[in-house]
Amino acid sequence: MALGVAIRGFTYMRKVIGIDAAWIKTKHKEKLKELIPDSSYLCFISDRHQSIKHAVRHVYVMASHGACYWHVKQNIKHCFKSAAGTKLYKKAAIAYRIEEFNKHFDQLRKIYPHVAKYLENDVKFRKWSRAHFGGNRYEVMTTNIVESVNNWMRKAREYPIIAMTDFIISTMGQWFLERRREAYAVTTPLTPRREEILRKRWDEVGSLITLQLNENEYNVMCGELDSIVNLRSKSCTCKVFDIDNLPCIHAIAAAGKAQPQNTGELIYSMCSKYHTSEYWLLAYAETIYLVPPNSQWTDIPEDVIAVQVIAPPEDKTKGRPKINRIPSQGEVPKKKYNCGACGQSGHNSKKCPSRQVPSDVRSTTHV
C-alpha cells in the first residue's frame, strides 16, 4: 500500500528506493511502476535476494540496481570468517575515485584472495563499489532506513489488516507533522545536514592552490592528487561532486576563484535541488488524515461507490500463513543452543543451575 500524500511527496526526494526484509511473498511486482515510472535517474538499493534482483531487472529496465553494503559485509563474515577482510572491503566500497578503489582492493586481493574473488566475480564491482556504480545512489550505501521501518512494523504486522492500516496511517501522519515543523523552522538554503557538510568542506578548503584552465575548468592542487573541476557541468575528477550532488572541497575552491565576491551564491547554485530546504518542506507539505468511522462517510464519490470489490482467490496452501519475515541474503540467524541437562536456553550443561552443588554441601565435602 502507498498513501497518496507519500506518493506526491516522493517527487521532491532523491530517486533512491530501498528494498529489504519482506515477510510475505507477492506476485504484484509491477504495482510500483504504476506510481514511479522507469527512469535512468532511478536507483534501487537492496540485498542480493534473487526475487528482488529479477523483479527489478524485469520491470525497471532503465533504472540502476546496487547492493546493500551491509548485507555484502555480512556475507563476507559468514562465508569467509574474515572480520579483518571487511575493513578493507569497506575502504574499497566507499572510495570515490577508481585509483583509491584499486589501492584498497589490490591489498584485499593480496591478503584475502577468496574474498576478493567473491566480490569481483559473484557480487560484481558495479553493485557494491561507489566508484564503479553506474547510476546515482548519492551517499546511500545501505538499506538501513528499510530495516528501521521493518522494526517499527514488527508488532503491527500481526494485527488484522484494518488495524495495521490504521497504525501505518496514524504513525506516518505524526512523522509528516514532525518533519514539516522541522522544515518550516529552517532558515538556510539547504537542509541542516547538508548545510553542516557544506560548511565543513568550506573549512577544509584552507589554502588550496587553484589555477583557472579555461572559462569553466579549474585545476585544484590537493595533496598527492590534483582535481579538475568543471563548474558548468558540476563535476570534479574526485567524483565526490558528481556522486553526492553537493560541491566538494575542490569545487568550493574553484567557486572562490571564479567569483570571489559571490562565492556563497555560486556554491548554493551548484547543489542538487533535493538537498534544499524548499524541497524538504514540499516533500512533507501535505497532511495525512485518519480514516473516519463508516458512519461519517457522507461524501463518497459515485465512481467509488460503483466499484465492486471481489474477494481474492482462496489460498489453498496447506498450513498456517507465514508471518515471519524472509531473511535477507547475508542475514544469518543466530543458532540457539539449549542446555543438555535441563533443556533451557541461556546457559550450557557446565553452568546449569540444576548441576550446581550448594555451598554448604561443597564445604562439607571438602572437609
Protein backbone atom coordinates (compact mmCIF):
# COMPACT_ATOMS: atom_id res chain seq x y z
CA MET A 1 0.00 0.00 0.00
CA ALA A 2 1.04 3.60 -0.50
CA LEU A 3 -0.55 6.81 0.71
CA GLY A 4 -1.26 9.48 -1.90
CA VAL A 5 0.47 12.08 0.24
CA ALA A 6 3.66 9.98 0.32
CA ILE A 7 3.50 9.30 -3.43
CA ARG A 8 3.28 13.01 -4.21
CA GLY A 9 5.95 13.81 -1.64
CA PHE A 10 8.40 11.44 -3.34
CA THR A 11 8.51 13.92 -6.24
CA TYR A 12 10.72 16.15 -4.08
CA MET A 13 13.01 13.39 -2.81
CA ARG A 14 16.12 11.75 -4.22
CA LYS A 15 15.17 8.94 -6.56
CA VAL A 16 16.65 6.16 -4.44
CA ILE A 17 14.42 3.28 -3.31
CA GLY A 18 15.45 0.73 -0.69
CA ILE A 19 14.03 -2.80 -0.73
CA ASP A 20 14.67 -5.29 2.02
CA ALA A 21 13.28 -7.73 4.55
CA ALA A 22 9.98 -8.95 3.13
CA TRP A 23 7.82 -11.13 5.36
CA ILE A 24 5.27 -12.11 2.71
CA LYS A 25 5.54 -13.19 -0.91
CA THR A 26 3.63 -11.44 -3.67
CA LYS A 27 3.22 -11.67 -7.41
CA HIS A 28 2.29 -7.98 -7.78
CA LYS A 29 5.82 -6.83 -8.53
CA GLU A 30 4.72 -4.34 -11.20
CA LYS A 31 2.44 -2.25 -8.95
CA LEU A 32 5.27 0.11 -8.03
CA LYS A 33 5.76 1.04 -11.67
CA GLU A 34 2.22 2.41 -11.82
CA LEU A 35 3.30 5.09 -9.32
CA ILE A 36 7.00 5.52 -10.08
CA PRO A 37 7.89 5.19 -13.78
CA ASP A 38 11.08 3.65 -15.07
CA SER A 39 13.93 6.14 -15.45
CA SER A 40 17.71 6.23 -15.71
CA TYR A 41 17.69 8.59 -12.71
CA LEU A 42 16.02 5.94 -10.54
CA CYS A 43 18.13 3.71 -8.30
CA PHE A 44 17.29 0.63 -6.23
CA ILE A 45 19.37 -0.44 -3.24
CA SER A 46 18.64 -3.90 -1.83
CA ASP A 47 20.13 -7.09 -0.52
CA ARG A 48 21.07 -9.68 -3.12
CA HIS A 49 17.85 -11.69 -2.85
CA GLN A 50 17.21 -13.30 -6.23
CA SER A 51 13.48 -12.45 -6.38
CA ILE A 52 14.20 -8.74 -5.85
CA LYS A 53 17.03 -8.84 -8.37
CA HIS A 54 14.89 -10.46 -11.06
CA ALA A 55 11.85 -8.26 -10.41
CA VAL A 56 13.79 -5.01 -10.66
CA ARG A 57 15.61 -6.17 -13.79
CA HIS A 58 12.32 -7.18 -15.45
CA VAL A 59 10.18 -4.17 -14.52
CA TYR A 60 12.73 -1.34 -14.27
CA VAL A 61 14.98 -1.77 -17.28
CA MET A 62 16.43 1.75 -17.27
CA ALA A 63 16.95 2.05 -13.50
CA SER A 64 20.20 1.09 -11.78
CA HIS A 65 20.42 -1.53 -9.04
CA GLY A 66 23.01 -1.50 -6.26
CA ALA A 67 23.78 -3.97 -3.49
CA CYS A 68 23.48 -3.03 0.15
CA TYR A 69 26.94 -2.56 1.63
CA TRP A 70 25.93 -4.06 4.99
CA HIS A 71 24.50 -7.27 3.57
CA VAL A 72 27.59 -7.91 1.45
CA LYS A 73 29.72 -7.37 4.55
CA GLN A 74 27.63 -9.90 6.48
CA ASN A 75 28.12 -12.44 3.69
CA ILE A 76 31.88 -11.98 3.92
CA LYS A 77 31.80 -12.53 7.67
CA HIS A 78 29.63 -15.63 7.39
CA CYS A 79 31.12 -17.32 4.33
CA PHE A 80 34.81 -16.48 4.79
CA LYS A 81 35.04 -15.90 8.56
CA SER A 82 37.02 -12.78 7.78
CA ALA A 83 36.25 -9.83 10.02
CA ALA A 84 39.55 -8.18 9.08
CA GLY A 85 38.73 -8.53 5.38
CA THR A 86 35.58 -6.48 5.84
CA LYS A 87 37.68 -3.46 6.84
CA LEU A 88 39.47 -3.42 3.50
CA TYR A 89 36.18 -4.11 1.77
CA LYS A 90 34.66 -1.02 3.44
CA LYS A 91 37.53 1.20 2.33
CA ALA A 92 37.14 -0.04 -1.25
CA ALA A 93 33.34 0.23 -1.19
CA ILE A 94 33.15 3.87 -0.06
CA ALA A 95 36.02 5.09 -2.26
CA TYR A 96 35.02 7.76 -4.78
CA ARG A 97 38.00 7.54 -7.14
CA ILE A 98 38.89 4.45 -9.15
CA GLU A 99 42.52 4.97 -8.13
CA GLU A 100 41.57 4.90 -4.45
CA PHE A 101 39.41 1.82 -5.01
CA ASN A 102 42.24 -0.04 -6.75
CA LYS A 103 44.62 0.76 -3.91
CA HIS A 104 42.40 -0.86 -1.28
CA PHE A 105 41.13 -3.72 -3.43
CA ASP A 106 44.64 -4.74 -4.52
CA GLN A 107 45.56 -5.00 -0.87
CA LEU A 108 42.41 -7.04 -0.23
CA ARG A 109 43.22 -9.36 -3.15
CA LYS A 110 46.74 -9.89 -1.84
CA ILE A 111 45.75 -10.72 1.75
CA TYR A 112 42.30 -12.29 1.24
CA PRO A 113 42.16 -13.67 -2.32
CA HIS A 114 38.96 -15.67 -1.75
CA VAL A 115 37.09 -12.59 -0.50
CA ALA A 116 38.37 -10.56 -3.43
CA LYS A 117 37.27 -13.24 -5.91
CA TYR A 118 33.80 -13.31 -4.37
CA LEU A 119 33.43 -9.52 -4.55
CA GLU A 120 34.74 -9.33 -8.10
CA ASN A 121 33.04 -12.32 -9.74
CA ASP A 122 29.93 -13.04 -7.67
CA VAL A 123 28.78 -9.64 -6.44
CA LYS A 124 30.37 -7.52 -9.22
CA PHE A 125 32.09 -4.18 -8.70
CA ARG A 126 29.24 -2.19 -10.23
CA LYS A 127 26.89 -3.38 -7.48
CA TRP A 128 28.79 -2.58 -4.31
CA SER A 129 31.57 -0.14 -5.25
CA ARG A 130 30.66 3.53 -5.17
CA ALA A 131 33.41 4.31 -7.69
CA HIS A 132 32.07 1.76 -10.22
CA PHE A 133 28.35 2.30 -9.74
CA GLY A 134 26.73 3.47 -12.96
CA GLY A 135 23.66 5.15 -11.50
CA ASN A 136 23.19 7.81 -8.85
CA ARG A 137 22.84 6.44 -5.34
CA TYR A 138 24.17 9.63 -3.71
CA GLU A 139 25.75 8.57 -0.41
CA VAL A 140 23.14 5.83 0.20
CA MET A 141 25.15 2.65 0.70
CA THR A 142 22.79 0.55 2.84
CA THR A 143 19.11 -0.28 3.33
CA ASN A 144 19.18 0.86 6.97
CA ILE A 145 16.11 3.03 6.52
CA VAL A 146 14.11 -0.02 5.41
CA GLU A 147 15.35 -2.01 8.39
CA SER A 148 14.14 0.80 10.64
CA VAL A 149 10.67 0.66 9.10
CA ASN A 150 10.62 -3.11 9.49
CA ASN A 151 11.45 -2.82 13.18
CA TRP A 152 8.71 -0.22 13.54
CA MET A 153 6.24 -2.62 11.88
CA ARG A 154 7.36 -5.68 13.85
CA LYS A 155 4.32 -5.82 16.15
CA ALA A 156 1.82 -4.12 13.87
CA ARG A 157 2.13 -6.68 11.09
CA GLU A 158 0.49 -9.25 13.34
CA TYR A 159 -2.62 -7.06 13.61
CA PRO A 160 -5.72 -7.57 11.44
CA ILE A 161 -5.34 -5.77 8.12
CA ILE A 162 -7.62 -2.83 9.07
CA ALA A 163 -5.85 -2.27 12.40
CA MET A 164 -2.46 -2.49 10.71
CA THR A 165 -3.53 0.05 8.09
CA ASP A 166 -4.76 2.46 10.78
CA PHE A 167 -1.47 2.07 12.61
CA ILE A 168 0.52 2.91 9.47
CA ILE A 169 -1.61 5.95 8.65
CA SER A 170 -1.55 7.40 12.16
CA THR A 171 2.19 6.91 12.61
CA MET A 172 3.08 8.33 9.20
CA GLY A 173 0.82 11.26 9.93
CA GLN A 174 2.90 12.04 13.02
CA TRP A 175 6.14 11.66 11.04
CA PHE A 176 4.92 14.08 8.38
CA LEU A 177 3.87 16.59 11.04
CA GLU A 178 7.25 16.45 12.81
CA ARG A 179 9.25 16.80 9.60
CA ARG A 180 7.00 19.58 8.34
CA ARG A 181 7.62 21.55 11.55
CA GLU A 182 11.37 20.98 11.29
CA ALA A 183 11.39 22.12 7.66
CA TYR A 184 9.37 25.25 8.49
CA ALA A 185 11.95 26.23 11.11
CA VAL A 186 14.92 26.03 8.72
CA THR A 187 16.30 29.38 7.62
CA THR A 188 19.22 28.15 5.48
CA PRO A 189 19.05 27.34 1.75
CA LEU A 190 19.96 23.68 2.40
CA THR A 191 18.68 21.17 4.91
CA PRO A 192 20.55 21.25 8.25
CA ARG A 193 22.52 18.08 7.50
CA ARG A 194 23.62 19.26 4.03
CA GLU A 195 24.41 22.70 5.39
CA GLU A 196 26.67 21.14 8.00
CA ILE A 197 28.51 19.03 5.41
CA LEU A 198 28.97 22.01 3.10
CA ARG A 199 30.33 24.23 5.88
CA LYS A 200 32.82 21.54 6.95
CA ARG A 201 34.06 21.29 3.38
CA TRP A 202 34.34 25.08 3.25
CA ASP A 203 36.57 24.99 6.34
CA GLU A 204 38.73 22.24 4.77
CA VAL A 205 39.47 24.33 1.67
CA GLY A 206 42.12 26.29 3.55
CA SER A 207 44.89 27.45 1.27
CA LEU A 208 44.34 25.13 -1.67
CA ILE A 209 46.08 26.35 -4.81
CA THR A 210 43.62 26.82 -7.65
CA LEU A 211 44.54 27.51 -11.26
CA GLN A 212 42.00 28.50 -13.91
CA LEU A 213 42.33 26.46 -17.09
CA ASN A 214 39.52 27.96 -19.19
CA GLU A 215 36.10 29.56 -18.75
CA ASN A 216 34.67 26.57 -16.91
CA GLU A 217 37.53 24.35 -15.69
CA TYR A 218 39.88 24.79 -12.75
CA ASN A 219 42.84 22.75 -11.55
CA VAL A 220 42.85 22.40 -7.75
CA MET A 221 46.04 21.11 -6.11
CA CYS A 222 45.21 18.94 -3.11
CA GLY A 223 47.91 16.68 -1.71
CA GLU A 224 49.15 13.91 -3.99
CA LEU A 225 46.21 14.08 -6.44
CA ASP A 226 45.11 17.16 -8.33
CA SER A 227 41.46 17.58 -9.21
CA ILE A 228 39.90 19.15 -12.29
CA VAL A 229 36.63 20.96 -11.54
CA ASN A 230 34.12 21.87 -14.25
CA LEU A 231 31.71 24.42 -12.81
CA ARG A 232 29.44 24.28 -15.85
CA SER A 233 28.85 20.52 -15.77
CA LYS A 234 29.03 20.45 -11.94
CA SER A 235 31.67 17.73 -11.87
CA CYS A 236 35.09 17.02 -10.40
CA THR A 237 37.61 14.29 -11.06
CA CYS A 238 37.48 13.38 -7.36
CA LYS A 239 33.89 12.20 -8.09
CA VAL A 240 32.56 13.50 -4.76
CA PHE A 241 30.80 16.39 -6.51
CA ASP A 242 29.35 14.04 -9.14
CA ILE A 243 28.07 11.37 -6.76
CA ASP A 244 26.86 13.44 -3.80
CA ASN A 245 25.45 16.23 -5.99
CA LEU A 246 26.98 18.56 -3.42
CA PRO A 247 30.10 20.68 -4.07
CA CYS A 248 33.31 19.03 -2.89
CA ILE A 249 36.22 21.00 -1.41
CA HIS A 250 37.75 21.36 -4.89
CA ALA A 251 34.51 22.78 -6.33
CA ILE A 252 34.27 25.23 -3.41
CA ALA A 253 37.85 26.35 -4.05
CA ALA A 254 37.09 26.75 -7.76
CA ALA A 255 33.97 28.77 -6.96
CA GLY A 256 36.06 31.11 -4.80
CA LYS A 257 38.45 31.59 -7.71
CA ALA A 258 35.65 32.12 -10.25
CA GLN A 259 33.52 34.55 -8.27
CA PRO A 260 35.34 35.91 -5.21
CA GLN A 261 32.54 38.38 -4.48
CA ASN A 262 29.63 35.93 -4.81
CA THR A 263 31.22 32.64 -3.78
CA GLY A 264 28.43 31.56 -1.45
CA GLU A 265 25.71 32.22 -4.01
CA LEU A 266 27.60 30.22 -6.65
CA ILE A 267 28.17 27.30 -4.28
CA TYR A 268 24.49 27.05 -3.37
CA SER A 269 23.51 27.16 -7.03
CA MET A 270 25.64 24.04 -7.65
CA CYS A 271 23.78 21.98 -5.03
CA SER A 272 21.12 19.49 -6.07
CA LYS A 273 17.55 20.70 -5.60
CA TYR A 274 16.92 17.60 -3.50
CA HIS A 275 19.29 18.98 -0.85
CA THR A 276 17.41 22.25 -0.44
CA SER A 277 15.18 23.11 2.49
CA GLU A 278 12.47 24.11 0.00
CA TYR A 279 12.22 20.57 -1.37
CA TRP A 280 12.36 19.17 2.15
CA LEU A 281 9.31 21.22 3.06
CA LEU A 282 7.46 20.32 -0.14
CA ALA A 283 8.07 16.61 0.47
CA TYR A 284 6.10 16.77 3.75
CA ALA A 285 3.81 19.69 2.93
CA GLU A 286 0.56 17.73 2.82
CA THR A 287 -1.35 16.44 5.84
CA ILE A 288 -2.22 12.79 6.39
CA TYR A 289 -5.75 12.46 7.77
CA LEU A 290 -7.04 9.46 9.69
CA VAL A 291 -9.81 7.35 8.18
CA PRO A 292 -13.08 8.22 10.00
CA PRO A 293 -15.65 5.61 11.10
CA ASN A 294 -18.11 4.30 8.49
CA SER A 295 -20.93 6.38 9.97
CA GLN A 296 -19.12 9.56 8.94
CA TRP A 297 -18.65 8.55 5.32
CA THR A 298 -21.06 11.02 3.74
CA ASP A 299 -19.43 12.46 0.64
CA ILE A 300 -18.42 9.28 -1.15
CA PRO A 301 -17.78 9.82 -4.88
CA GLU A 302 -20.07 7.93 -7.25
CA ASP A 303 -17.17 6.24 -9.01
CA VAL A 304 -16.02 4.82 -5.68
CA ILE A 305 -19.50 3.52 -4.83
CA ALA A 306 -19.70 1.86 -8.25
CA VAL A 307 -16.56 -0.18 -7.68
CA GLN A 308 -17.30 -3.83 -6.95
CA VAL A 309 -14.80 -5.34 -4.55
CA ILE A 310 -14.29 -9.01 -5.32
CA ALA A 311 -12.67 -11.31 -2.81
CA PRO A 312 -9.29 -12.63 -3.93
CA PRO A 313 -8.93 -16.30 -4.89
CA GLU A 314 -8.79 -18.60 -1.92
CA ASP A 315 -5.28 -19.58 -0.94
CA LYS A 316 -5.30 -23.36 -0.71
CA THR A 317 -1.77 -23.62 0.60
CA LYS A 318 -1.56 -26.07 3.46
CA GLY A 319 -0.61 -24.88 6.91
CA ARG A 320 -0.78 -21.50 8.59
CA PRO A 321 0.23 -18.39 6.61
CA LYS A 322 3.73 -17.11 7.20
CA ILE A 323 4.11 -14.03 9.36
CA ASN A 324 7.88 -14.13 9.91
CA ARG A 325 9.93 -12.04 7.54
CA ILE A 326 12.01 -13.76 4.89
CA PRO A 327 15.67 -13.25 5.90
CA SER A 328 17.70 -11.14 3.50
CA GLN A 329 20.80 -12.58 1.94
CA GLY A 330 23.60 -12.06 4.39
CA GLU A 331 21.39 -12.23 7.44
CA VAL A 332 22.32 -15.48 9.13
CA PRO A 333 20.04 -16.33 12.04
CA LYS A 334 21.92 -16.95 15.23
CA LYS A 335 21.72 -20.52 16.45
CA LYS A 336 20.14 -21.02 19.83
CA TYR A 337 21.67 -23.72 21.94
CA ASN A 338 19.83 -25.29 24.86
CA CYS A 339 21.31 -26.78 27.96
CA GLY A 340 21.91 -30.52 27.64
CA ALA A 341 20.92 -31.09 31.29
CA CYS A 342 17.69 -29.12 31.74
CA GLY A 343 16.82 -28.15 28.16
CA GLN A 344 16.64 -24.42 28.93
CA SER A 345 18.39 -21.73 26.92
CA GLY A 346 20.82 -19.12 28.17
CA HIS A 347 23.46 -21.48 29.57
CA ASN A 348 25.19 -24.78 28.91
CA SER A 349 25.35 -28.01 30.91
CA LYS A 350 28.52 -26.97 32.74
CA LYS A 351 26.84 -23.86 34.14
CA CYS A 352 23.41 -25.40 34.59
CA PRO A 353 21.82 -24.39 37.93
CA SER A 354 20.46 -27.92 38.35
CA ARG A 355 24.01 -29.25 38.50
CA GLN A 356 25.38 -26.62 40.82
CA VAL A 357 26.29 -28.07 44.23
CA PRO A 358 25.04 -25.93 47.17
CA SER A 359 27.77 -24.10 49.07
CA ASP A 360 27.10 -25.92 52.34
CA VAL A 361 27.46 -29.27 50.60
CA ARG A 362 30.72 -28.19 48.92
CA SER A 363 32.21 -27.13 52.23
CA THR A 364 31.18 -30.36 53.94
CA THR A 365 32.61 -32.46 51.12
CA HIS A 366 35.88 -30.55 51.23
CA VAL A 367 36.28 -31.22 54.97
